[in-house]
Amino acid sequence: MRPKWLNCEDWQAIPDRITVREITVNVDIPGFRTERIIVVTTLLDLITYTADDFADLYLRRWRAELYLRDIKTTMGMDVLKCKTPEMVNKELWMHIVAYNLVRALMQEAAKTHNVSFYRISFKGTVSTVRTWANALTLPYLGKTKRRLLYGLMLFYIAKDPIPDRPNRIEPRAKKRRPKNYQLLNKPRQTFKEIKHRNKYKKALS
């Protein structure tokens, strides 16, 4: 039966049978029971695409979520400040450009100092760039000194790698309790604050 989200042309293009390959991945975390996960793929070549490759790829899937956290939380793109659609579009692209520039610096620092790219902190790189930005943009610096400072910045980016934490659990939870305030869901001119917080405390839980 064709699902509603799929049009007739795409539905007709789907073959009647598809040969797939099942790969069992065992996730061993000290202190926890071994979790067995089955990964299904249409890549059937056992030599080119080994089971270990799929296991490593599956276990690295969480990095995609961490990268989204970097661009939304670390770079502050979770709340956009522009008012018009055109400016919001520009704001999004500026965040993407800045994000890619930071990633490029991390890649260069990792390659220059022989450090794993995945061990370099995104937040630490952003902080280092902000610290060195004023020195690198001084107008009276020559090319030689600027390159020297740039090299030192790459050294400090790669200097303190984050610990290797395989299979680390990253729960989606808030570390600190939010303040017991009302939600500002009306214009400020018409908003009326409830004086006793215990009356709207339950709405936050």
N, C-alpha and C. Protein backbone atom coordinates (compact mmCIF):
# COMPACT_ATOMS: atom_id res chain seq x y z
N MET A 1 0.85 -1.20 0.00
CA MET A 1 0.00 0.00 0.00
C MET A 1 0.88 1.25 0.00
N ARG A 2 0.62 2.16 -0.92
CA ARG A 2 1.44 3.36 -1.05
C ARG A 2 1.18 4.34 0.08
N PRO A 3 2.24 4.78 0.78
CA PRO A 3 2.04 5.78 1.83
C PRO A 3 1.66 7.13 1.23
N LYS A 4 0.98 7.95 1.99
CA LYS A 4 0.46 9.21 1.49
C LYS A 4 1.57 10.19 1.09
N TRP A 5 2.72 10.12 1.77
CA TRP A 5 3.78 11.08 1.49
C TRP A 5 4.57 10.75 0.23
N LEU A 6 4.31 9.59 -0.40
CA LEU A 6 5.04 9.17 -1.59
C LEU A 6 4.13 9.26 -2.81
N ASN A 7 4.59 9.96 -3.86
CA ASN A 7 3.75 10.09 -5.05
C ASN A 7 3.77 8.80 -5.87
N CYS A 8 2.85 8.70 -6.81
CA CYS A 8 2.67 7.46 -7.58
C CYS A 8 3.90 7.11 -8.41
N GLU A 9 4.54 8.13 -8.99
CA GLU A 9 5.70 7.87 -9.84
C GLU A 9 6.84 7.25 -9.05
N ASP A 10 7.13 7.79 -7.88
CA ASP A 10 8.19 7.22 -7.04
C ASP A 10 7.81 5.84 -6.52
N TRP A 11 6.53 5.67 -6.23
CA TRP A 11 6.06 4.37 -5.74
C TRP A 11 6.23 3.28 -6.81
N GLN A 12 5.94 3.60 -8.06
CA GLN A 12 6.09 2.64 -9.14
C GLN A 12 7.56 2.32 -9.42
N ALA A 13 8.45 3.26 -9.10
CA ALA A 13 9.88 3.05 -9.35
C ALA A 13 10.54 2.13 -8.32
N ILE A 14 9.86 1.88 -7.21
CA ILE A 14 10.43 1.01 -6.18
C ILE A 14 10.33 -0.44 -6.63
N PRO A 15 11.43 -1.19 -6.61
CA PRO A 15 11.37 -2.61 -7.04
C PRO A 15 10.55 -3.45 -6.06
N ASP A 16 10.10 -4.59 -6.56
CA ASP A 16 9.29 -5.48 -5.73
C ASP A 16 10.11 -6.10 -4.60
N ARG A 17 11.39 -6.34 -4.87
CA ARG A 17 12.26 -6.94 -3.87
C ARG A 17 13.59 -6.18 -3.82
N ILE A 18 14.14 -6.08 -2.63
CA ILE A 18 15.44 -5.46 -2.44
C ILE A 18 16.30 -6.39 -1.59
N THR A 19 17.49 -6.70 -2.08
CA THR A 19 18.42 -7.53 -1.33
C THR A 19 19.20 -6.65 -0.36
N VAL A 20 19.14 -6.99 0.90
CA VAL A 20 19.82 -6.19 1.92
C VAL A 20 20.77 -7.07 2.72
N ARG A 21 21.59 -6.43 3.47
CA ARG A 21 22.58 -7.11 4.30
C ARG A 21 22.41 -6.68 5.73
N GLU A 22 22.36 -7.63 6.64
CA GLU A 22 22.21 -7.33 8.06
C GLU A 22 23.56 -7.47 8.76
N ILE A 23 23.91 -6.45 9.53
CA ILE A 23 25.18 -6.45 10.26
C ILE A 23 24.87 -6.27 11.74
N THR A 24 25.39 -7.14 12.56
CA THR A 24 25.18 -7.06 14.00
C THR A 24 26.31 -6.25 14.64
N VAL A 25 25.92 -5.23 15.38
CA VAL A 25 26.89 -4.37 16.06
C VAL A 25 26.69 -4.54 17.56
N ASN A 26 27.75 -4.91 18.25
CA ASN A 26 27.71 -5.03 19.71
C ASN A 26 28.30 -3.77 20.34
N VAL A 27 27.51 -3.11 21.17
CA VAL A 27 27.94 -1.90 21.86
C VAL A 27 28.30 -2.29 23.29
N ASP A 28 29.60 -2.26 23.59
CA ASP A 28 30.09 -2.65 24.91
C ASP A 28 30.50 -1.41 25.68
N ILE A 29 29.73 -1.08 26.72
CA ILE A 29 30.03 0.05 27.59
C ILE A 29 30.29 -0.49 28.98
N PRO A 30 31.45 -0.21 29.56
CA PRO A 30 31.76 -0.73 30.90
C PRO A 30 30.69 -0.34 31.92
N GLY A 31 30.22 -1.36 32.66
CA GLY A 31 29.19 -1.11 33.66
C GLY A 31 27.78 -1.29 33.17
N PHE A 32 27.61 -1.54 31.85
CA PHE A 32 26.28 -1.72 31.28
C PHE A 32 26.24 -3.04 30.52
N ARG A 33 25.04 -3.53 30.31
CA ARG A 33 24.88 -4.75 29.53
C ARG A 33 25.24 -4.47 28.07
N THR A 34 25.79 -5.48 27.42
CA THR A 34 26.13 -5.34 26.00
C THR A 34 24.86 -5.20 25.18
N GLU A 35 24.81 -4.14 24.38
CA GLU A 35 23.63 -3.89 23.55
C GLU A 35 23.91 -4.37 22.13
N ARG A 36 23.00 -5.14 21.60
CA ARG A 36 23.16 -5.67 20.25
C ARG A 36 22.24 -4.91 19.29
N ILE A 37 22.84 -4.34 18.26
CA ILE A 37 22.10 -3.53 17.29
C ILE A 37 22.30 -4.14 15.91
N ILE A 38 21.23 -4.19 15.13
CA ILE A 38 21.29 -4.72 13.77
C ILE A 38 21.19 -3.55 12.79
N VAL A 39 22.21 -3.40 11.96
CA VAL A 39 22.26 -2.35 10.93
C VAL A 39 21.95 -2.99 9.59
N VAL A 40 21.00 -2.43 8.85
CA VAL A 40 20.59 -2.97 7.56
C VAL A 40 21.09 -2.04 6.45
N THR A 41 21.70 -2.62 5.41
CA THR A 41 22.27 -1.82 4.33
C THR A 41 22.08 -2.53 2.99
N THR A 42 22.11 -1.75 1.91
CA THR A 42 22.07 -2.32 0.56
C THR A 42 23.48 -2.45 -0.03
N LEU A 43 24.51 -2.08 0.73
CA LEU A 43 25.90 -2.26 0.29
C LEU A 43 26.32 -3.68 0.59
N LEU A 44 26.38 -4.51 -0.41
CA LEU A 44 26.53 -5.94 -0.22
C LEU A 44 27.97 -6.43 -0.35
N ASP A 45 28.88 -5.60 -0.80
CA ASP A 45 30.27 -6.03 -0.99
C ASP A 45 30.95 -6.17 0.36
N LEU A 46 31.26 -7.43 0.75
CA LEU A 46 31.84 -7.69 2.07
C LEU A 46 33.28 -7.21 2.19
N ILE A 47 33.97 -7.12 1.06
CA ILE A 47 35.38 -6.72 1.10
C ILE A 47 35.51 -5.21 1.14
N THR A 48 34.77 -4.53 0.27
CA THR A 48 34.85 -3.06 0.21
C THR A 48 34.22 -2.43 1.45
N TYR A 49 33.08 -2.98 1.88
CA TYR A 49 32.36 -2.42 3.03
C TYR A 49 32.32 -3.49 4.13
N THR A 50 33.29 -3.45 5.00
CA THR A 50 33.39 -4.47 6.05
C THR A 50 32.41 -4.18 7.18
N ALA A 51 32.17 -5.19 7.99
CA ALA A 51 31.27 -5.04 9.13
C ALA A 51 31.82 -4.04 10.14
N ASP A 52 33.14 -4.04 10.30
CA ASP A 52 33.75 -3.09 11.24
C ASP A 52 33.54 -1.64 10.79
N ASP A 53 33.56 -1.42 9.48
CA ASP A 53 33.32 -0.06 8.96
C ASP A 53 31.91 0.42 9.33
N PHE A 54 30.93 -0.47 9.19
CA PHE A 54 29.56 -0.10 9.53
C PHE A 54 29.40 0.11 11.03
N ALA A 55 30.06 -0.72 11.80
CA ALA A 55 29.98 -0.57 13.26
C ALA A 55 30.57 0.77 13.70
N ASP A 56 31.72 1.13 13.12
CA ASP A 56 32.34 2.41 13.46
C ASP A 56 31.47 3.57 13.01
N LEU A 57 30.88 3.45 11.81
CA LEU A 57 30.03 4.52 11.30
C LEU A 57 28.78 4.69 12.17
N TYR A 58 28.20 3.60 12.60
CA TYR A 58 27.02 3.69 13.45
C TYR A 58 27.33 4.31 14.79
N LEU A 59 28.47 3.92 15.38
CA LEU A 59 28.83 4.45 16.69
C LEU A 59 29.23 5.93 16.62
N ARG A 60 29.55 6.42 15.41
CA ARG A 60 29.91 7.82 15.25
C ARG A 60 28.71 8.70 14.90
N ARG A 61 27.53 8.10 14.83
CA ARG A 61 26.35 8.85 14.39
C ARG A 61 26.03 10.00 15.34
N TRP A 62 26.41 9.85 16.62
CA TRP A 62 26.06 10.87 17.60
C TRP A 62 26.79 12.18 17.33
N ARG A 63 27.91 12.10 16.60
CA ARG A 63 28.66 13.32 16.32
C ARG A 63 27.83 14.31 15.52
N ALA A 64 26.93 13.81 14.69
CA ALA A 64 26.07 14.72 13.93
C ALA A 64 25.23 15.57 14.86
N GLU A 65 24.72 14.97 15.94
CA GLU A 65 23.95 15.73 16.92
C GLU A 65 24.83 16.75 17.64
N LEU A 66 26.08 16.36 17.94
CA LEU A 66 26.99 17.29 18.60
C LEU A 66 27.34 18.45 17.69
N TYR A 67 27.47 18.20 16.39
CA TYR A 67 27.78 19.28 15.45
C TYR A 67 26.62 20.26 15.36
N LEU A 68 25.40 19.74 15.39
CA LEU A 68 24.23 20.64 15.41
C LEU A 68 24.20 21.46 16.69
N ARG A 69 24.61 20.85 17.80
CA ARG A 69 24.68 21.60 19.06
C ARG A 69 25.72 22.70 18.97
N ASP A 70 26.83 22.43 18.30
CA ASP A 70 27.87 23.44 18.15
C ASP A 70 27.35 24.67 17.44
N ILE A 71 26.65 24.46 16.34
CA ILE A 71 26.21 25.60 15.54
C ILE A 71 25.02 26.32 16.17
N LYS A 72 24.19 25.59 16.90
CA LYS A 72 23.03 26.24 17.52
C LYS A 72 23.35 26.85 18.86
N THR A 73 24.02 26.11 19.72
CA THR A 73 24.26 26.58 21.09
C THR A 73 25.56 27.37 21.21
N THR A 74 26.68 26.77 20.79
CA THR A 74 27.98 27.43 20.93
C THR A 74 28.04 28.71 20.11
N MET A 75 27.50 28.68 18.89
CA MET A 75 27.55 29.86 18.04
C MET A 75 26.31 30.73 18.17
N GLY A 76 25.35 30.31 18.99
CA GLY A 76 24.19 31.15 19.28
C GLY A 76 23.17 31.25 18.16
N MET A 77 23.02 30.19 17.35
CA MET A 77 22.04 30.26 16.26
C MET A 77 20.69 29.70 16.67
N ASP A 78 20.55 29.32 17.96
CA ASP A 78 19.26 28.80 18.40
C ASP A 78 18.19 29.87 18.43
N VAL A 79 18.61 31.13 18.61
CA VAL A 79 17.67 32.26 18.60
C VAL A 79 18.16 33.26 17.58
N LEU A 80 17.42 33.42 16.49
CA LEU A 80 17.77 34.39 15.45
C LEU A 80 17.22 35.76 15.80
N LYS A 81 17.99 36.80 15.55
CA LYS A 81 17.64 38.15 16.02
C LYS A 81 17.06 39.04 14.93
N CYS A 82 17.22 38.67 13.67
CA CYS A 82 16.70 39.51 12.60
C CYS A 82 15.17 39.41 12.50
N LYS A 83 14.56 40.43 11.90
CA LYS A 83 13.10 40.51 11.88
C LYS A 83 12.50 40.15 10.52
N THR A 84 13.17 40.45 9.42
CA THR A 84 12.61 40.19 8.10
C THR A 84 13.14 38.88 7.55
N PRO A 85 12.39 38.23 6.65
CA PRO A 85 12.87 36.97 6.06
C PRO A 85 14.21 37.12 5.35
N GLU A 86 14.42 38.24 4.66
CA GLU A 86 15.67 38.44 3.94
C GLU A 86 16.86 38.48 4.91
N MET A 87 16.70 39.22 6.01
CA MET A 87 17.79 39.33 6.97
C MET A 87 18.00 38.02 7.74
N VAL A 88 16.91 37.30 8.01
CA VAL A 88 17.05 35.99 8.67
C VAL A 88 17.85 35.05 7.78
N ASN A 89 17.58 35.10 6.47
CA ASN A 89 18.32 34.26 5.53
C ASN A 89 19.81 34.61 5.54
N LYS A 90 20.12 35.90 5.58
CA LYS A 90 21.52 36.33 5.66
C LYS A 90 22.15 35.90 6.98
N GLU A 91 21.38 36.00 8.05
CA GLU A 91 21.89 35.60 9.37
C GLU A 91 22.23 34.11 9.39
N LEU A 92 21.37 33.29 8.79
CA LEU A 92 21.63 31.86 8.72
C LEU A 92 22.92 31.57 7.94
N TRP A 93 23.07 32.24 6.79
CA TRP A 93 24.26 32.00 5.98
C TRP A 93 25.52 32.48 6.68
N MET A 94 25.46 33.56 7.41
CA MET A 94 26.64 34.04 8.14
C MET A 94 27.05 33.05 9.22
N HIS A 95 26.07 32.46 9.89
CA HIS A 95 26.39 31.43 10.89
C HIS A 95 27.05 30.22 10.22
N ILE A 96 26.54 29.83 9.05
CA ILE A 96 27.10 28.67 8.35
C ILE A 96 28.53 28.96 7.89
N VAL A 97 28.75 30.18 7.37
CA VAL A 97 30.10 30.56 6.94
C VAL A 97 31.07 30.55 8.13
N ALA A 98 30.64 31.16 9.25
CA ALA A 98 31.50 31.19 10.44
C ALA A 98 31.77 29.78 10.95
N TYR A 99 30.75 28.93 10.93
CA TYR A 99 30.91 27.55 11.39
C TYR A 99 31.94 26.80 10.55
N ASN A 100 31.84 26.96 9.23
CA ASN A 100 32.78 26.28 8.34
C ASN A 100 34.20 26.81 8.51
N LEU A 101 34.34 28.10 8.77
CA LEU A 101 35.67 28.67 9.01
C LEU A 101 36.30 28.08 10.28
N VAL A 102 35.49 27.93 11.34
CA VAL A 102 36.00 27.32 12.57
C VAL A 102 36.40 25.89 12.33
N ARG A 103 35.58 25.14 11.59
CA ARG A 103 35.92 23.75 11.28
C ARG A 103 37.20 23.66 10.45
N ALA A 104 37.38 24.60 9.53
CA ALA A 104 38.59 24.61 8.71
C ALA A 104 39.83 24.86 9.59
N LEU A 105 39.71 25.76 10.56
CA LEU A 105 40.82 26.00 11.49
C LEU A 105 41.13 24.75 12.31
N MET A 106 40.10 24.07 12.78
CA MET A 106 40.31 22.83 13.52
C MET A 106 41.02 21.79 12.67
N GLN A 107 40.62 21.69 11.40
CA GLN A 107 41.25 20.73 10.50
C GLN A 107 42.72 21.07 10.27
N GLU A 108 43.01 22.36 10.07
CA GLU A 108 44.39 22.78 9.85
C GLU A 108 45.24 22.56 11.10
N ALA A 109 44.69 22.87 12.27
CA ALA A 109 45.43 22.66 13.51
C ALA A 109 45.70 21.18 13.74
N ALA A 110 44.72 20.33 13.46
CA ALA A 110 44.90 18.88 13.63
C ALA A 110 45.97 18.34 12.69
N LYS A 111 45.95 18.80 11.44
CA LYS A 111 46.92 18.32 10.46
C LYS A 111 48.32 18.84 10.77
N THR A 112 48.42 20.10 11.20
CA THR A 112 49.72 20.70 11.46
C THR A 112 50.41 20.06 12.65
N HIS A 113 49.65 19.74 13.69
CA HIS A 113 50.24 19.24 14.94
C HIS A 113 49.94 17.77 15.19
N ASN A 114 49.49 17.07 14.13
CA ASN A 114 49.31 15.61 14.19
C ASN A 114 48.39 15.19 15.35
N VAL A 115 47.24 15.85 15.40
CA VAL A 115 46.22 15.55 16.42
C VAL A 115 44.94 15.12 15.70
N SER A 116 44.22 14.19 16.28
CA SER A 116 42.95 13.76 15.69
C SER A 116 41.97 14.93 15.64
N PHE A 117 41.35 15.10 14.49
CA PHE A 117 40.38 16.19 14.32
C PHE A 117 39.24 16.09 15.33
N TYR A 118 38.84 14.86 15.65
CA TYR A 118 37.71 14.64 16.55
C TYR A 118 38.06 14.91 18.01
N ARG A 119 39.35 15.09 18.29
CA ARG A 119 39.76 15.37 19.67
C ARG A 119 39.90 16.87 19.94
N ILE A 120 39.66 17.70 18.93
CA ILE A 120 39.78 19.15 19.10
C ILE A 120 38.40 19.72 19.44
N SER A 121 38.37 20.55 20.46
CA SER A 121 37.11 21.10 20.95
C SER A 121 36.65 22.25 20.05
N PHE A 122 35.40 22.18 19.62
CA PHE A 122 34.83 23.26 18.82
C PHE A 122 34.70 24.53 19.66
N LYS A 123 34.16 24.39 20.85
CA LYS A 123 33.99 25.55 21.73
C LYS A 123 35.34 26.15 22.10
N GLY A 124 36.33 25.29 22.36
CA GLY A 124 37.66 25.79 22.67
C GLY A 124 38.27 26.53 21.50
N THR A 125 38.02 26.06 20.29
CA THR A 125 38.53 26.75 19.10
C THR A 125 37.90 28.12 18.94
N VAL A 126 36.59 28.20 19.16
CA VAL A 126 35.91 29.50 19.08
C VAL A 126 36.49 30.47 20.11
N SER A 127 36.72 30.01 21.33
CA SER A 127 37.29 30.87 22.37
C SER A 127 38.70 31.32 22.01
N THR A 128 39.50 30.41 21.46
CA THR A 128 40.87 30.76 21.07
C THR A 128 40.88 31.79 19.95
N VAL A 129 40.00 31.62 18.97
CA VAL A 129 39.93 32.57 17.86
C VAL A 129 39.53 33.95 18.37
N ARG A 130 38.57 34.00 19.27
CA ARG A 130 38.16 35.29 19.83
C ARG A 130 39.29 35.95 20.62
N THR A 131 40.10 35.14 21.29
CA THR A 131 41.21 35.68 22.06
C THR A 131 42.30 36.25 21.15
N TRP A 132 42.57 35.58 20.04
CA TRP A 132 43.66 35.97 19.16
C TRP A 132 43.23 36.92 18.05
N ALA A 133 41.94 37.16 17.91
CA ALA A 133 41.44 37.96 16.78
C ALA A 133 42.02 39.37 16.77
N ASN A 134 42.05 40.02 17.93
CA ASN A 134 42.55 41.40 17.97
C ASN A 134 44.02 41.47 17.57
N ALA A 135 44.83 40.53 18.05
CA ALA A 135 46.25 40.54 17.73
C ALA A 135 46.49 40.27 16.24
N LEU A 136 45.71 39.37 15.66
CA LEU A 136 45.92 39.02 14.26
C LEU A 136 45.46 40.11 13.29
N THR A 137 44.60 41.00 13.74
CA THR A 137 44.07 42.05 12.86
C THR A 137 44.73 43.40 13.10
N LEU A 138 45.81 43.46 13.85
CA LEU A 138 46.51 44.73 14.06
C LEU A 138 47.05 45.23 12.71
N PRO A 139 46.80 46.50 12.38
CA PRO A 139 47.15 46.99 11.03
C PRO A 139 48.65 47.08 10.79
N TYR A 140 49.47 47.25 11.83
CA TYR A 140 50.90 47.44 11.62
C TYR A 140 51.69 46.14 11.58
N LEU A 141 51.03 45.00 11.71
CA LEU A 141 51.74 43.72 11.67
C LEU A 141 52.17 43.39 10.24
N GLY A 142 53.39 42.92 10.09
CA GLY A 142 53.84 42.46 8.79
C GLY A 142 53.40 41.04 8.53
N LYS A 143 53.64 40.55 7.31
CA LYS A 143 53.21 39.20 6.94
C LYS A 143 53.92 38.14 7.78
N THR A 144 55.20 38.37 8.07
CA THR A 144 55.96 37.37 8.83
C THR A 144 55.42 37.22 10.24
N LYS A 145 55.19 38.34 10.93
CA LYS A 145 54.66 38.28 12.30
C LYS A 145 53.23 37.75 12.31
N ARG A 146 52.46 38.11 11.28
CA ARG A 146 51.07 37.63 11.24
C ARG A 146 51.04 36.11 11.06
N ARG A 147 51.91 35.60 10.22
CA ARG A 147 51.98 34.15 10.04
C ARG A 147 52.46 33.46 11.31
N LEU A 148 53.39 34.09 12.00
CA LEU A 148 53.87 33.52 13.26
C LEU A 148 52.76 33.45 14.29
N LEU A 149 52.00 34.54 14.42
CA LEU A 149 50.88 34.55 15.37
C LEU A 149 49.81 33.53 14.96
N TYR A 150 49.58 33.41 13.66
CA TYR A 150 48.58 32.44 13.18
C TYR A 150 49.02 31.02 13.52
N GLY A 151 50.33 30.75 13.36
CA GLY A 151 50.84 29.44 13.72
C GLY A 151 50.72 29.16 15.20
N LEU A 152 50.95 30.18 16.02
CA LEU A 152 50.79 30.01 17.47
C LEU A 152 49.33 29.74 17.82
N MET A 153 48.42 30.41 17.15
CA MET A 153 47.00 30.18 17.41
C MET A 153 46.62 28.73 17.09
N LEU A 154 47.12 28.20 15.97
CA LEU A 154 46.86 26.81 15.63
C LEU A 154 47.44 25.87 16.68
N PHE A 155 48.62 26.24 17.21
CA PHE A 155 49.23 25.41 18.25
C PHE A 155 48.34 25.35 19.49
N TYR A 156 47.80 26.49 19.91
CA TYR A 156 46.95 26.50 21.10
C TYR A 156 45.61 25.84 20.86
N ILE A 157 45.13 25.84 19.62
CA ILE A 157 43.90 25.13 19.30
C ILE A 157 44.10 23.63 19.48
N ALA A 158 45.26 23.14 19.05
CA ALA A 158 45.54 21.70 19.13
C ALA A 158 46.21 21.29 20.43
N LYS A 159 46.54 22.25 21.29
CA LYS A 159 47.33 21.96 22.48
C LYS A 159 46.59 21.11 23.50
N ASP A 160 45.32 21.33 23.67
CA ASP A 160 44.57 20.68 24.75
C ASP A 160 43.43 19.85 24.17
N PRO A 161 43.72 18.66 23.63
CA PRO A 161 42.64 17.83 23.04
C PRO A 161 41.69 17.32 24.10
N ILE A 162 40.44 17.15 23.71
CA ILE A 162 39.44 16.62 24.63
C ILE A 162 39.68 15.12 24.82
N PRO A 163 39.30 14.55 25.95
CA PRO A 163 39.54 13.12 26.19
C PRO A 163 38.81 12.24 25.18
N ASP A 164 39.38 11.09 24.91
CA ASP A 164 38.74 10.11 24.05
C ASP A 164 37.71 9.35 24.88
N ARG A 165 36.43 9.56 24.55
CA ARG A 165 35.35 8.95 25.34
C ARG A 165 34.44 8.12 24.44
N PRO A 166 34.89 6.93 24.04
CA PRO A 166 34.07 6.11 23.15
C PRO A 166 32.78 5.64 23.83
N ASN A 167 31.71 5.63 23.02
CA ASN A 167 30.40 5.16 23.49
C ASN A 167 29.88 5.96 24.68
N ARG A 168 30.30 7.20 24.78
CA ARG A 168 29.84 8.02 25.90
C ARG A 168 28.35 8.33 25.74
N ILE A 169 27.62 8.26 26.83
CA ILE A 169 26.19 8.55 26.81
C ILE A 169 25.99 10.05 26.98
N GLU A 170 25.23 10.66 26.07
CA GLU A 170 24.96 12.10 26.10
C GLU A 170 23.45 12.32 26.22
N PRO A 171 22.91 12.29 27.43
CA PRO A 171 21.46 12.46 27.57
C PRO A 171 21.02 13.88 27.22
N ARG A 172 19.82 13.98 26.66
CA ARG A 172 19.26 15.29 26.38
C ARG A 172 18.54 15.78 27.63
N ALA A 173 19.28 16.45 28.46
CA ALA A 173 18.74 16.91 29.74
C ALA A 173 19.40 18.24 30.10
N LYS A 174 18.67 19.04 30.83
CA LYS A 174 19.21 20.31 31.29
C LYS A 174 20.05 20.08 32.54
N LYS A 175 21.20 20.75 32.57
CA LYS A 175 22.11 20.57 33.69
C LYS A 175 21.65 21.37 34.90
N ARG A 176 21.05 22.51 34.66
CA ARG A 176 20.60 23.38 35.76
C ARG A 176 19.09 23.62 35.65
N ARG A 177 18.48 23.86 36.79
CA ARG A 177 17.04 24.13 36.80
C ARG A 177 16.76 25.51 36.24
N PRO A 178 15.69 25.64 35.45
CA PRO A 178 15.34 26.98 34.95
C PRO A 178 14.74 27.84 36.06
N LYS A 179 14.81 29.13 35.87
CA LYS A 179 14.21 30.06 36.83
C LYS A 179 12.69 29.92 36.80
N ASN A 180 12.10 30.10 37.95
CA ASN A 180 10.66 29.91 38.09
C ASN A 180 9.92 31.18 37.68
N TYR A 181 9.97 31.48 36.39
CA TYR A 181 9.30 32.67 35.87
C TYR A 181 8.23 32.25 34.86
N GLN A 182 7.29 33.14 34.64
CA GLN A 182 6.28 32.91 33.61
C GLN A 182 6.90 32.98 32.22
N LEU A 183 6.20 32.40 31.27
CA LEU A 183 6.61 32.54 29.88
C LEU A 183 6.06 33.84 29.32
N LEU A 184 6.88 34.58 28.61
CA LEU A 184 6.44 35.84 28.01
C LEU A 184 5.77 35.51 26.69
N ASN A 185 4.50 35.12 26.77
CA ASN A 185 3.75 34.69 25.59
C ASN A 185 2.76 35.73 25.09
N LYS A 186 2.90 36.95 25.56
CA LYS A 186 2.07 38.07 25.11
C LYS A 186 2.97 39.29 24.92
N PRO A 187 2.52 40.29 24.16
CA PRO A 187 3.30 41.53 24.07
C PRO A 187 3.51 42.15 25.45
N ARG A 188 4.63 42.81 25.62
CA ARG A 188 4.98 43.37 26.92
C ARG A 188 3.92 44.36 27.43
N GLN A 189 3.27 45.06 26.49
CA GLN A 189 2.28 46.06 26.89
C GLN A 189 1.04 45.44 27.53
N THR A 190 0.72 44.20 27.09
CA THR A 190 -0.50 43.55 27.59
C THR A 190 -0.21 42.43 28.57
N PHE A 191 1.05 42.11 28.77
CA PHE A 191 1.41 41.00 29.65
C PHE A 191 1.17 41.39 31.11
N LYS A 192 0.56 40.47 31.85
CA LYS A 192 0.32 40.70 33.28
C LYS A 192 1.03 39.60 34.08
N GLU A 193 1.88 40.04 34.97
CA GLU A 193 2.66 39.10 35.75
C GLU A 193 1.84 38.58 36.94
N ILE A 194 1.94 37.28 37.17
CA ILE A 194 1.33 36.69 38.35
C ILE A 194 2.28 36.90 39.52
N LYS A 195 1.79 37.54 40.56
CA LYS A 195 2.67 37.94 41.66
C LYS A 195 3.19 36.76 42.46
N HIS A 196 2.36 35.74 42.62
CA HIS A 196 2.75 34.59 43.44
C HIS A 196 3.25 33.48 42.51
N ARG A 197 4.52 33.17 42.60
CA ARG A 197 5.11 32.21 41.68
C ARG A 197 4.54 30.81 41.83
N ASN A 198 4.12 30.46 43.03
CA ASN A 198 3.63 29.09 43.23
C ASN A 198 2.37 28.81 42.40
N LYS A 199 1.70 29.86 41.90
CA LYS A 199 0.50 29.65 41.10
C LYS A 199 0.82 29.20 39.68
N TYR A 200 2.03 29.51 39.18
CA TYR A 200 2.37 29.06 37.83
C TYR A 200 3.58 28.15 37.83
N LYS A 201 3.96 27.67 39.00
CA LYS A 201 5.11 26.78 39.11
C LYS A 201 4.85 25.45 38.40
N LYS A 202 3.63 24.92 38.51
CA LYS A 202 3.31 23.64 37.93
C LYS A 202 3.37 23.68 36.41
N ALA A 203 3.14 24.84 35.82
CA ALA A 203 3.15 24.93 34.36
C ALA A 203 4.55 24.73 33.79
N LEU A 204 5.59 25.00 34.60
CA LEU A 204 6.97 24.83 34.14
C LEU A 204 7.45 23.41 34.28
N SER A 205 6.83 22.60 35.10
CA SER A 205 7.30 21.24 35.34
C SER A 205 6.77 20.29 34.28
